[in-house]
Amino acid sequence: MDNQHSCYEYISIDEKKEVVEKLKADLKELEQEINQNKDSFSKFVCEILYSTRDKWLLEIEELENEIKANS
């Protein structure tokens, strides 16, 4: 995370695995919500939702990389 302290820095690998699973489940729900209702949302709300999705994807990727590096 580019010289930032990760909020996950101090948790175990097993806990990181749990976080990844929860993030993936939340991501799936978010994507379903976007797909089902994107026509109902304003452009601004859609941008926030897409930004959130992208941040979660990056978080998942970073956590999975940490898990692989420490396995």
C-alpha atoms as a PDB file:
ATOM      1  CA  MET A   1       0.000   0.000   0.000  1.00  0.00           C
ATOM      2  CA  ASP A   2       2.674   2.525  -0.980  1.00  0.00           C
ATOM      3  CA  ASN A   3       4.259   3.277   2.420  1.00  0.00           C
ATOM      4  CA  GLN A   4       0.888   3.430   4.141  1.00  0.00           C
ATOM      5  CA  HIS A   5       0.138   1.281   7.116  1.00  0.00           C
ATOM      6  CA  SER A   6      -2.370  -1.339   6.118  1.00  0.00           C
ATOM      7  CA  CYS A   7      -5.241  -1.760   8.526  1.00  0.00           C
ATOM      8  CA  TYR A   8      -4.556  -5.480   8.081  1.00  0.00           C
ATOM      9  CA  GLU A   9      -0.867  -5.238   8.955  1.00  0.00           C
ATOM     10  CA  TYR A  10      -1.282  -6.627  12.452  1.00  0.00           C
ATOM     11  CA  ILE A  11      -3.644  -9.537  11.837  1.00  0.00           C
ATOM     12  CA  SER A  12      -2.729 -13.158  11.235  1.00  0.00           C
ATOM     13  CA  ILE A  13      -2.750 -14.911   7.869  1.00  0.00           C
ATOM     14  CA  ASP A  14      -5.864 -16.863   8.916  1.00  0.00           C
ATOM     15  CA  GLU A  15      -7.626 -13.621   9.796  1.00  0.00           C
ATOM     16  CA  LYS A  16      -6.569 -12.143   6.443  1.00  0.00           C
ATOM     17  CA  LYS A  17      -8.102 -15.161   4.717  1.00  0.00           C
ATOM     18  CA  GLU A  18     -11.361 -14.517   6.583  1.00  0.00           C
ATOM     19  CA  VAL A  19     -11.285 -10.847   5.567  1.00  0.00           C
ATOM     20  CA  VAL A  20     -10.762 -11.827   1.911  1.00  0.00           C
ATOM     21  CA  GLU A  21     -13.768 -14.146   2.016  1.00  0.00           C
ATOM     22  CA  LYS A  22     -15.953 -11.450   3.597  1.00  0.00           C
ATOM     23  CA  LEU A  23     -14.772  -8.831   1.108  1.00  0.00           C
ATOM     24  CA  LYS A  24     -15.514 -11.184  -1.790  1.00  0.00           C
ATOM     25  CA  ALA A  25     -19.027 -11.807  -0.445  1.00  0.00           C
ATOM     26  CA  ASP A  26     -19.617  -8.073   0.013  1.00  0.00           C
ATOM     27  CA  LEU A  27     -18.190  -7.409  -3.433  1.00  0.00           C
ATOM     28  CA  LYS A  28     -20.591  -9.904  -4.972  1.00  0.00           C
ATOM     29  CA  GLU A  29     -23.528  -8.188  -3.249  1.00  0.00           C
ATOM     30  CA  LEU A  30     -22.314  -4.762  -4.362  1.00  0.00           C
ATOM     31  CA  GLU A  31     -21.957  -5.906  -7.971  1.00  0.00           C
ATOM     32  CA  GLN A  32     -25.460  -7.404  -7.899  1.00  0.00           C
ATOM     33  CA  GLU A  33     -26.834  -4.155  -6.496  1.00  0.00           C
ATOM     34  CA  ILE A  34     -25.079  -2.130  -9.195  1.00  0.00           C
ATOM     35  CA  ASN A  35     -26.236  -4.446 -11.990  1.00  0.00           C
ATOM     36  CA  GLN A  36     -29.839  -4.572 -10.809  1.00  0.00           C
ATOM     37  CA  ASN A  37     -30.276  -0.901  -9.958  1.00  0.00           C
ATOM     38  CA  LYS A  38     -27.710   1.151 -11.863  1.00  0.00           C
ATOM     39  CA  ASP A  39     -30.451   2.818 -13.924  1.00  0.00           C
ATOM     40  CA  SER A  40     -32.082   4.013 -10.696  1.00  0.00           C
ATOM     41  CA  PHE A  41     -28.899   5.592  -9.337  1.00  0.00           C
ATOM     42  CA  SER A  42     -27.635   9.032 -10.232  1.00  0.00           C
ATOM     43  CA  LYS A  43     -24.326   9.285 -12.065  1.00  0.00           C
ATOM     44  CA  PHE A  44     -22.712  10.492  -8.832  1.00  0.00           C
ATOM     45  CA  VAL A  45     -23.939   7.479  -6.832  1.00  0.00           C
ATOM     46  CA  CYS A  46     -22.798   5.117  -9.589  1.00  0.00           C
ATOM     47  CA  GLU A  47     -19.326   6.650  -9.497  1.00  0.00           C
ATOM     48  CA  ILE A  48     -19.165   6.128  -5.725  1.00  0.00           C
ATOM     49  CA  LEU A  49     -20.307   2.516  -6.067  1.00  0.00           C
ATOM     50  CA  TYR A  50     -17.791   1.804  -8.838  1.00  0.00           C
ATOM     51  CA  SER A  51     -15.037   3.466  -6.825  1.00  0.00           C
ATOM     52  CA  THR A  52     -15.926   1.332  -3.811  1.00  0.00           C
ATOM     53  CA  ARG A  53     -15.897  -1.786  -5.986  1.00  0.00           C
ATOM     54  CA  ASP A  54     -12.472  -0.912  -7.364  1.00  0.00           C
ATOM     55  CA  LYS A  55     -11.046  -0.249  -3.879  1.00  0.00           C
ATOM     56  CA  TRP A  56     -12.378  -3.566  -2.618  1.00  0.00           C
ATOM     57  CA  LEU A  57     -10.852  -5.361  -5.605  1.00  0.00           C
ATOM     58  CA  LEU A  58      -7.475  -3.788  -4.844  1.00  0.00           C
ATOM     59  CA  GLU A  59      -7.796  -4.655  -1.165  1.00  0.00           C
ATOM     60  CA  ILE A  60      -8.605  -8.268  -2.007  1.00  0.00           C
ATOM     61  CA  GLU A  61      -5.651  -8.450  -4.397  1.00  0.00           C
ATOM     62  CA  GLU A  62      -3.242  -6.967  -1.836  1.00  0.00           C
ATOM     63  CA  LEU A  63      -4.436  -9.296   0.904  1.00  0.00           C
ATOM     64  CA  GLU A  64      -4.194 -12.338  -1.365  1.00  0.00           C
ATOM     65  CA  ASN A  65      -0.637 -11.316  -2.280  1.00  0.00           C
ATOM     66  CA  GLU A  66       0.271 -11.006   1.415  1.00  0.00           C
ATOM     67  CA  ILE A  67      -1.273 -14.413   2.100  1.00  0.00           C
ATOM     68  CA  LYS A  68       0.700 -16.015  -0.754  1.00  0.00           C
ATOM     69  CA  ALA A  69       3.927 -14.330   0.333  1.00  0.00           C
ATOM     70  CA  ASN A  70       3.543 -15.640   3.880  1.00  0.00           C
ATOM     71  CA  SER A  71       2.393 -19.162   3.090  1.00  0.00           C
END
